[in-house]
Amino acid sequence: MTDAIITADDTIDITDVNCPITFVKTKVALDELDDGQILEVRLNSGEPAENVPRSVKEEGHAILAFRENGDGTCELFIHKVGD
């Protein structure tokens, strides 16, 4: 999406869990943030990298950036949108 530097308000690493727990942990972390804050999520490529961004969008949040790291992991930057 973009190569701009994004400063996250919080970061989680969910490379040690499988779907659907990947989205559950992401949702819990987003719930702890204030509206307008940014969450950085480090996750595995493949199913988590497909499902978590889709589920986050369905929840109404915005994806600011998605980066593949080249080591089988990705970074996802999510802008929390209020209810």
PDB file of N, CA and C in Angstrom:
ATOM      1  N   MET A   1       0.813  -1.189   0.000  1.00  0.00           N
ATOM      2  CA  MET A   1       0.000   0.000   0.000  1.00  0.00           C
ATOM      3  C   MET A   1       0.858   1.255   0.000  1.00  0.00           C
ATOM      4  N   THR A   2       1.748   1.348   1.016  1.00  0.00           N
ATOM      5  CA  THR A   2       2.578   2.542   1.101  1.00  0.00           C
ATOM      6  C   THR A   2       3.890   2.212   1.793  1.00  0.00           C
ATOM      7  N   ASP A   3       4.921   2.978   1.502  1.00  0.00           N
ATOM      8  CA  ASP A   3       6.208   2.818   2.154  1.00  0.00           C
ATOM      9  C   ASP A   3       6.448   3.927   3.170  1.00  0.00           C
ATOM     10  N   ALA A   4       5.445   4.751   3.418  1.00  0.00           N
ATOM     11  CA  ALA A   4       5.573   5.844   4.374  1.00  0.00           C
ATOM     12  C   ALA A   4       5.802   5.276   5.780  1.00  0.00           C
ATOM     13  N   ILE A   5       6.472   6.048   6.593  1.00  0.00           N
ATOM     14  CA  ILE A   5       6.695   5.639   7.976  1.00  0.00           C
ATOM     15  C   ILE A   5       5.426   5.926   8.763  1.00  0.00           C
ATOM     16  N   ILE A   6       4.947   4.899   9.437  1.00  0.00           N
ATOM     17  CA  ILE A   6       3.731   5.018  10.237  1.00  0.00           C
ATOM     18  C   ILE A   6       4.117   4.739  11.683  1.00  0.00           C
ATOM     19  N   THR A   7       3.726   5.623  12.569  1.00  0.00           N
ATOM     20  CA  THR A   7       4.002   5.444  13.987  1.00  0.00           C
ATOM     21  C   THR A   7       2.778   4.827  14.656  1.00  0.00           C
ATOM     22  N   ALA A   8       2.956   3.627  15.184  1.00  0.00           N
ATOM     23  CA  ALA A   8       1.858   2.917  15.833  1.00  0.00           C
ATOM     24  C   ALA A   8       1.761   3.313  17.299  1.00  0.00           C
ATOM     25  N   ASP A   9       0.529   3.332  17.797  1.00  0.00           N
ATOM     26  CA  ASP A   9       0.290   3.591  19.213  1.00  0.00           C
ATOM     27  C   ASP A   9       0.480   2.324  20.045  1.00  0.00           C
ATOM     28  N   ASP A  10       0.326   1.164  19.405  1.00  0.00           N
ATOM     29  CA  ASP A  10       0.526  -0.121  20.072  1.00  0.00           C
ATOM     30  C   ASP A  10       0.913  -1.144  19.012  1.00  0.00           C
ATOM     31  N   THR A  11       1.613  -2.179  19.430  1.00  0.00           N
ATOM     32  CA  THR A  11       2.065  -3.236  18.532  1.00  0.00           C
ATOM     33  C   THR A  11       1.789  -4.585  19.168  1.00  0.00           C
ATOM     34  N   ILE A  12       1.299  -5.531  18.350  1.00  0.00           N
ATOM     35  CA  ILE A  12       1.154  -6.903  18.814  1.00  0.00           C
ATOM     36  C   ILE A  12       1.813  -7.835  17.812  1.00  0.00           C
ATOM     37  N   ASP A  13       2.302  -8.961  18.318  1.00  0.00           N
ATOM     38  CA  ASP A  13       2.908  -9.995  17.484  1.00  0.00           C
ATOM     39  C   ASP A  13       2.043 -11.245  17.638  1.00  0.00           C
ATOM     40  N   ILE A  14       1.392 -11.632  16.534  1.00  0.00           N
ATOM     41  CA  ILE A  14       0.518 -12.805  16.578  1.00  0.00           C
ATOM     42  C   ILE A  14       1.049 -13.914  15.675  1.00  0.00           C
ATOM     43  N   THR A  15       2.366 -13.924  15.483  1.00  0.00           N
ATOM     44  CA  THR A  15       2.973 -14.950  14.642  1.00  0.00           C
ATOM     45  C   THR A  15       2.964 -16.324  15.306  1.00  0.00           C
ATOM     46  N   ASP A  16       2.655 -16.373  16.586  1.00  0.00           N
ATOM     47  CA  ASP A  16       2.663 -17.651  17.311  1.00  0.00           C
ATOM     48  C   ASP A  16       1.287 -18.293  17.425  1.00  0.00           C
ATOM     49  N   VAL A  17       0.260 -17.715  16.793  1.00  0.00           N
ATOM     50  CA  VAL A  17      -1.098 -18.276  16.865  1.00  0.00           C
ATOM     51  C   VAL A  17      -1.671 -18.480  15.469  1.00  0.00           C
ATOM     52  N   ASN A  18      -2.684 -19.320  15.387  1.00  0.00           N
ATOM     53  CA  ASN A  18      -3.344 -19.634  14.119  1.00  0.00           C
ATOM     54  C   ASN A  18      -4.739 -19.019  14.068  1.00  0.00           C
ATOM     55  N   CYS A  19      -5.294 -18.949  12.855  1.00  0.00           N
ATOM     56  CA  CYS A  19      -6.666 -18.480  12.664  1.00  0.00           C
ATOM     57  C   CYS A  19      -7.616 -19.452  13.363  1.00  0.00           C
ATOM     58  N   PRO A  20      -8.687 -18.992  13.976  1.00  0.00           N
ATOM     59  CA  PRO A  20      -9.209 -17.629  14.025  1.00  0.00           C
ATOM     60  C   PRO A  20      -8.682 -16.805  15.196  1.00  0.00           C
ATOM     61  N   ILE A  21      -7.765 -17.376  15.989  1.00  0.00           N
ATOM     62  CA  ILE A  21      -7.242 -16.655  17.151  1.00  0.00           C
ATOM     63  C   ILE A  21      -6.488 -15.397  16.712  1.00  0.00           C
ATOM     64  N   THR A  22      -5.938 -15.391  15.501  1.00  0.00           N
ATOM     65  CA  THR A  22      -5.231 -14.202  15.019  1.00  0.00           C
ATOM     66  C   THR A  22      -6.140 -12.983  15.018  1.00  0.00           C
ATOM     67  N   PHE A  23      -7.371 -13.155  14.531  1.00  0.00           N
ATOM     68  CA  PHE A  23      -8.290 -12.015  14.517  1.00  0.00           C
ATOM     69  C   PHE A  23      -8.778 -11.693  15.925  1.00  0.00           C
ATOM     70  N   VAL A  24      -8.998 -12.704  16.739  1.00  0.00           N
ATOM     71  CA  VAL A  24      -9.461 -12.462  18.116  1.00  0.00           C
ATOM     72  C   VAL A  24      -8.448 -11.595  18.856  1.00  0.00           C
ATOM     73  N   LYS A  25      -7.168 -11.924  18.751  1.00  0.00           N
ATOM     74  CA  LYS A  25      -6.134 -11.133  19.431  1.00  0.00           C
ATOM     75  C   LYS A  25      -6.052  -9.720  18.855  1.00  0.00           C
ATOM     76  N   THR A  26      -6.222  -9.602  17.541  1.00  0.00           N
ATOM     77  CA  THR A  26      -6.217  -8.279  16.912  1.00  0.00           C
ATOM     78  C   THR A  26      -7.397  -7.453  17.405  1.00  0.00           C
ATOM     79  N   LYS A  27      -8.567  -8.053  17.467  1.00  0.00           N
ATOM     80  CA  LYS A  27      -9.771  -7.357  17.922  1.00  0.00           C
ATOM     81  C   LYS A  27      -9.628  -6.890  19.368  1.00  0.00           C
ATOM     82  N   VAL A  28      -9.082  -7.739  20.228  1.00  0.00           N
ATOM     83  CA  VAL A  28      -8.874  -7.374  21.635  1.00  0.00           C
ATOM     84  C   VAL A  28      -7.920  -6.183  21.728  1.00  0.00           C
ATOM     85  N   ALA A  29      -6.844  -6.212  20.945  1.00  0.00           N
ATOM     86  CA  ALA A  29      -5.885  -5.096  20.965  1.00  0.00           C
ATOM     87  C   ALA A  29      -6.531  -3.806  20.460  1.00  0.00           C
ATOM     88  N   LEU A  30      -7.348  -3.904  19.418  1.00  0.00           N
ATOM     89  CA  LEU A  30      -8.054  -2.715  18.913  1.00  0.00           C
ATOM     90  C   LEU A  30      -9.033  -2.176  19.950  1.00  0.00           C
ATOM     91  N   ASP A  31      -9.712  -3.053  20.663  1.00  0.00           N
ATOM     92  CA  ASP A  31     -10.673  -2.632  21.684  1.00  0.00           C
ATOM     93  C   ASP A  31      -9.997  -1.823  22.787  1.00  0.00           C
ATOM     94  N   GLU A  32      -8.717  -2.070  23.023  1.00  0.00           N
ATOM     95  CA  GLU A  32      -7.985  -1.368  24.079  1.00  0.00           C
ATOM     96  C   GLU A  32      -7.490   0.012  23.632  1.00  0.00           C
ATOM     97  N   LEU A  33      -7.537   0.287  22.328  1.00  0.00           N
ATOM     98  CA  LEU A  33      -7.096   1.574  21.805  1.00  0.00           C
ATOM     99  C   LEU A  33      -8.243   2.578  21.775  1.00  0.00           C
ATOM    100  N   ASP A  34      -7.895   3.851  21.763  1.00  0.00           N
ATOM    101  CA  ASP A  34      -8.876   4.911  21.578  1.00  0.00           C
ATOM    102  C   ASP A  34      -9.133   5.089  20.085  1.00  0.00           C
ATOM    103  N   ASP A  35     -10.295   5.623  19.749  1.00  0.00           N
ATOM    104  CA  ASP A  35     -10.603   5.914  18.353  1.00  0.00           C
ATOM    105  C   ASP A  35      -9.513   6.802  17.772  1.00  0.00           C
ATOM    106  N   GLY A  36      -9.111   6.499  16.550  1.00  0.00           N
ATOM    107  CA  GLY A  36      -8.092   7.286  15.878  1.00  0.00           C
ATOM    108  C   GLY A  36      -6.670   6.799  16.081  1.00  0.00           C
ATOM    109  N   GLN A  37      -6.469   5.885  17.015  1.00  0.00           N
ATOM    110  CA  GLN A  37      -5.129   5.371  17.242  1.00  0.00           C
ATOM    111  C   GLN A  37      -4.783   4.292  16.211  1.00  0.00           C
ATOM    112  N   ILE A  38      -3.495   3.957  16.152  1.00  0.00           N
ATOM    113  CA  ILE A  38      -2.992   3.013  15.157  1.00  0.00           C
ATOM    114  C   ILE A  38      -2.394   1.791  15.846  1.00  0.00           C
ATOM    115  N   LEU A  39      -2.793   0.619  15.350  1.00  0.00           N
ATOM    116  CA  LEU A  39      -2.277  -0.650  15.840  1.00  0.00           C
ATOM    117  C   LEU A  39      -1.408  -1.284  14.760  1.00  0.00           C
ATOM    118  N   GLU A  40      -0.208  -1.697  15.143  1.00  0.00           N
ATOM    119  CA  GLU A  40       0.658  -2.458  14.249  1.00  0.00           C
ATOM    120  C   GLU A  40       0.553  -3.924  14.639  1.00  0.00           C
ATOM    121  N   VAL A  41       0.273  -4.774  13.657  1.00  0.00           N
ATOM    122  CA  VAL A  41       0.132  -6.206  13.904  1.00  0.00           C
ATOM    123  C   VAL A  41       1.178  -6.938  13.073  1.00  0.00           C
ATOM    124  N   ARG A  42       1.990  -7.747  13.729  1.00  0.00           N
ATOM    125  CA  ARG A  42       2.942  -8.617  13.026  1.00  0.00           C
ATOM    126  C   ARG A  42       2.286  -9.990  12.958  1.00  0.00           C
ATOM    127  N   LEU A  43       2.111 -10.508  11.748  1.00  0.00           N
ATOM    128  CA  LEU A  43       1.416 -11.770  11.560  1.00  0.00           C
ATOM    129  C   LEU A  43       2.083 -12.582  10.471  1.00  0.00           C
ATOM    130  N   ASN A  44       1.737 -13.855  10.398  1.00  0.00           N
ATOM    131  CA  ASN A  44       2.302 -14.740   9.385  1.00  0.00           C
ATOM    132  C   ASN A  44       1.653 -14.506   8.036  1.00  0.00           C
ATOM    133  N   SER A  45       2.428 -14.776   6.981  1.00  0.00           N
ATOM    134  CA  SER A  45       1.891 -14.749   5.626  1.00  0.00           C
ATOM    135  C   SER A  45       0.883 -15.888   5.478  1.00  0.00           C
ATOM    136  N   GLY A  46       0.168 -15.888   4.374  1.00  0.00           N
ATOM    137  CA  GLY A  46      -0.801 -16.948   4.115  1.00  0.00           C
ATOM    138  C   GLY A  46      -2.161 -16.607   4.688  1.00  0.00           C
ATOM    139  N   GLU A  47      -2.789 -17.587   5.321  1.00  0.00           N
ATOM    140  CA  GLU A  47      -4.158 -17.430   5.813  1.00  0.00           C
ATOM    141  C   GLU A  47      -4.324 -16.245   6.768  1.00  0.00           C
ATOM    142  N   PRO A  48      -3.454 -16.067   7.777  1.00  0.00           N
ATOM    143  CA  PRO A  48      -3.622 -14.896   8.651  1.00  0.00           C
ATOM    144  C   PRO A  48      -3.535 -13.576   7.886  1.00  0.00           C
ATOM    145  N   ALA A  49      -2.609 -13.491   6.927  1.00  0.00           N
ATOM    146  CA  ALA A  49      -2.430 -12.251   6.162  1.00  0.00           C
ATOM    147  C   ALA A  49      -3.622 -11.967   5.255  1.00  0.00           C
ATOM    148  N   GLU A  50      -4.386 -12.983   4.926  1.00  0.00           N
ATOM    149  CA  GLU A  50      -5.594 -12.796   4.124  1.00  0.00           C
ATOM    150  C   GLU A  50      -6.803 -12.482   5.009  1.00  0.00           C
ATOM    151  N   ASN A  51      -6.937 -13.229   6.097  1.00  0.00           N
ATOM    152  CA  ASN A  51      -8.145 -13.141   6.916  1.00  0.00           C
ATOM    153  C   ASN A  51      -8.194 -11.945   7.859  1.00  0.00           C
ATOM    154  N   VAL A  52      -7.081 -11.618   8.502  1.00  0.00           N
ATOM    155  CA  VAL A  52      -7.100 -10.530   9.488  1.00  0.00           C
ATOM    156  C   VAL A  52      -7.437  -9.187   8.831  1.00  0.00           C
ATOM    157  N   PRO A  53      -6.773  -8.796   7.741  1.00  0.00           N
ATOM    158  CA  PRO A  53      -7.152  -7.511   7.121  1.00  0.00           C
ATOM    159  C   PRO A  53      -8.616  -7.480   6.675  1.00  0.00           C
ATOM    160  N   ARG A  54      -9.097  -8.566   6.119  1.00  0.00           N
ATOM    161  CA  ARG A  54     -10.494  -8.619   5.671  1.00  0.00           C
ATOM    162  C   ARG A  54     -11.446  -8.441   6.859  1.00  0.00           C
ATOM    163  N   SER A  55     -11.172  -9.146   7.939  1.00  0.00           N
ATOM    164  CA  SER A  55     -12.036  -9.062   9.120  1.00  0.00           C
ATOM    165  C   SER A  55     -11.985  -7.683   9.761  1.00  0.00           C
ATOM    166  N   VAL A  56     -10.807  -7.081   9.769  1.00  0.00           N
ATOM    167  CA  VAL A  56     -10.651  -5.733  10.326  1.00  0.00           C
ATOM    168  C   VAL A  56     -11.488  -4.731   9.532  1.00  0.00           C
ATOM    169  N   LYS A  57     -11.432  -4.831   8.202  1.00  0.00           N
ATOM    170  CA  LYS A  57     -12.243  -3.955   7.351  1.00  0.00           C
ATOM    171  C   LYS A  57     -13.726  -4.169   7.599  1.00  0.00           C
ATOM    172  N   GLU A  58     -14.138  -5.435   7.766  1.00  0.00           N
ATOM    173  CA  GLU A  58     -15.546  -5.733   8.038  1.00  0.00           C
ATOM    174  C   GLU A  58     -16.007  -5.117   9.353  1.00  0.00           C
ATOM    175  N   GLU A  59     -15.076  -4.944  10.290  1.00  0.00           N
ATOM    176  CA  GLU A  59     -15.379  -4.305  11.572  1.00  0.00           C
ATOM    177  C   GLU A  59     -15.459  -2.783  11.434  1.00  0.00           C
ATOM    178  N   GLY A  60     -15.062  -2.247  10.273  1.00  0.00           N
ATOM    179  CA  GLY A  60     -15.162  -0.814  10.030  1.00  0.00           C
ATOM    180  C   GLY A  60     -13.880  -0.032  10.212  1.00  0.00           C
ATOM    181  N   HIS A  61     -12.772  -0.722  10.487  1.00  0.00           N
ATOM    182  CA  HIS A  61     -11.494  -0.044  10.672  1.00  0.00           C
ATOM    183  C   HIS A  61     -10.791   0.110   9.330  1.00  0.00           C
ATOM    184  N   ALA A  62      -9.778   0.960   9.289  1.00  0.00           N
ATOM    185  CA  ALA A  62      -9.060   1.236   8.040  1.00  0.00           C
ATOM    186  C   ALA A  62      -7.672   0.606   8.068  1.00  0.00           C
ATOM    187  N   ILE A  63      -7.294   0.005   6.945  1.00  0.00           N
ATOM    188  CA  ILE A  63      -5.947  -0.526   6.780  1.00  0.00           C
ATOM    189  C   ILE A  63      -5.090   0.594   6.194  1.00  0.00           C
ATOM    190  N   LEU A  64      -4.067   1.005   6.935  1.00  0.00           N
ATOM    191  CA  LEU A  64      -3.181   2.072   6.472  1.00  0.00           C
ATOM    192  C   LEU A  64      -2.044   1.523   5.622  1.00  0.00           C
ATOM    193  N   ALA A  65      -1.546   0.343   5.988  1.00  0.00           N
ATOM    194  CA  ALA A  65      -0.437  -0.251   5.246  1.00  0.00           C
ATOM    195  C   ALA A  65      -0.385  -1.739   5.532  1.00  0.00           C
ATOM    196  N   PHE A  66       0.118  -2.468   4.540  1.00  0.00           N
ATOM    197  CA  PHE A  66       0.346  -3.901   4.664  1.00  0.00           C
ATOM    198  C   PHE A  66       1.684  -4.176   3.993  1.00  0.00           C
ATOM    199  N   ARG A  67       2.622  -4.725   4.765  1.00  0.00           N
ATOM    200  CA  ARG A  67       3.967  -4.953   4.235  1.00  0.00           C
ATOM    201  C   ARG A  67       4.376  -6.403   4.460  1.00  0.00           C
ATOM    202  N   GLU A  68       4.909  -7.037   3.417  1.00  0.00           N
ATOM    203  CA  GLU A  68       5.495  -8.364   3.559  1.00  0.00           C
ATOM    204  C   GLU A  68       6.969  -8.183   3.907  1.00  0.00           C
ATOM    205  N   ASN A  69       7.420  -8.907   4.917  1.00  0.00           N
ATOM    206  CA  ASN A  69       8.787  -8.734   5.401  1.00  0.00           C
ATOM    207  C   ASN A  69       9.808  -9.618   4.691  1.00  0.00           C
ATOM    208  N   GLY A  70       9.359 -10.598   3.909  1.00  0.00           N
ATOM    209  CA  GLY A  70      10.286 -11.475   3.213  1.00  0.00           C
ATOM    210  C   GLY A  70      10.765 -12.652   4.043  1.00  0.00           C
ATOM    211  N   ASP A  71      10.284 -12.754   5.261  1.00  0.00           N
ATOM    212  CA  ASP A  71      10.675 -13.866   6.129  1.00  0.00           C
ATOM    213  C   ASP A  71       9.471 -14.726   6.521  1.00  0.00           C
ATOM    214  N   GLY A  72       8.391 -14.609   5.766  1.00  0.00           N
ATOM    215  CA  GLY A  72       7.181 -15.363   6.080  1.00  0.00           C
ATOM    216  C   GLY A  72       6.244 -14.630   7.012  1.00  0.00           C
ATOM    217  N   THR A  73       6.598 -13.383   7.349  1.00  0.00           N
ATOM    218  CA  THR A  73       5.725 -12.571   8.200  1.00  0.00           C
ATOM    219  C   THR A  73       5.356 -11.285   7.469  1.00  0.00           C
ATOM    220  N   CYS A  74       4.341 -10.625   8.000  1.00  0.00           N
ATOM    221  CA  CYS A  74       3.852  -9.360   7.447  1.00  0.00           C
ATOM    222  C   CYS A  74       3.608  -8.383   8.583  1.00  0.00           C
ATOM    223  N   GLU A  75       3.524  -7.114   8.229  1.00  0.00           N
ATOM    224  CA  GLU A  75       3.135  -6.071   9.168  1.00  0.00           C
ATOM    225  C   GLU A  75       1.883  -5.409   8.629  1.00  0.00           C
ATOM    226  N   LEU A  76       0.913  -5.254   9.504  1.00  0.00           N
ATOM    227  CA  LEU A  76      -0.366  -4.649   9.158  1.00  0.00           C
ATOM    228  C   LEU A  76      -0.569  -3.451  10.076  1.00  0.00           C
ATOM    229  N   PHE A  77      -0.872  -2.295   9.493  1.00  0.00           N
ATOM    230  CA  PHE A  77      -1.121  -1.087  10.277  1.00  0.00           C
ATOM    231  C   PHE A  77      -2.598  -0.744  10.163  1.00  0.00           C
ATOM    232  N   ILE A  78      -3.269  -0.694  11.307  1.00  0.00           N
ATOM    233  CA  ILE A  78      -4.729  -0.506  11.347  1.00  0.00           C
ATOM    234  C   ILE A  78      -5.047   0.791  12.066  1.00  0.00           C
ATOM    235  N   HIS A  79      -5.890   1.605  11.449  1.00  0.00           N
ATOM    236  CA  HIS A  79      -6.390   2.843  12.052  1.00  0.00           C
ATOM    237  C   HIS A  79      -7.749   2.521  12.668  1.00  0.00           C
ATOM    238  N   LYS A  80      -7.841   2.662  13.997  1.00  0.00           N
ATOM    239  CA  LYS A  80      -9.097   2.350  14.677  1.00  0.00           C
ATOM    240  C   LYS A  80     -10.131   3.437  14.394  1.00  0.00           C
ATOM    241  N   VAL A  81     -11.269   3.008  13.877  1.00  0.00           N
ATOM    242  CA  VAL A  81     -12.373   3.921  13.572  1.00  0.00           C
ATOM    243  C   VAL A  81     -13.445   3.719  14.622  1.00  0.00           C
ATOM    244  N   GLY A  82     -13.979   4.824  15.148  1.00  0.00           N
ATOM    245  CA  GLY A  82     -14.990   4.755  16.200  1.00  0.00           C
ATOM    246  C   GLY A  82     -16.294   4.162  15.710  1.00  0.00           C
ATOM    247  N   ASP A  83     -17.125   3.826  16.675  1.00  0.00           N
ATOM    248  CA  ASP A  83     -18.440   3.225  16.381  1.00  0.00           C
ATOM    249  C   ASP A  83     -19.386   4.219  15.759  1.00  0.00           C
TER     250      ASP A  83
END
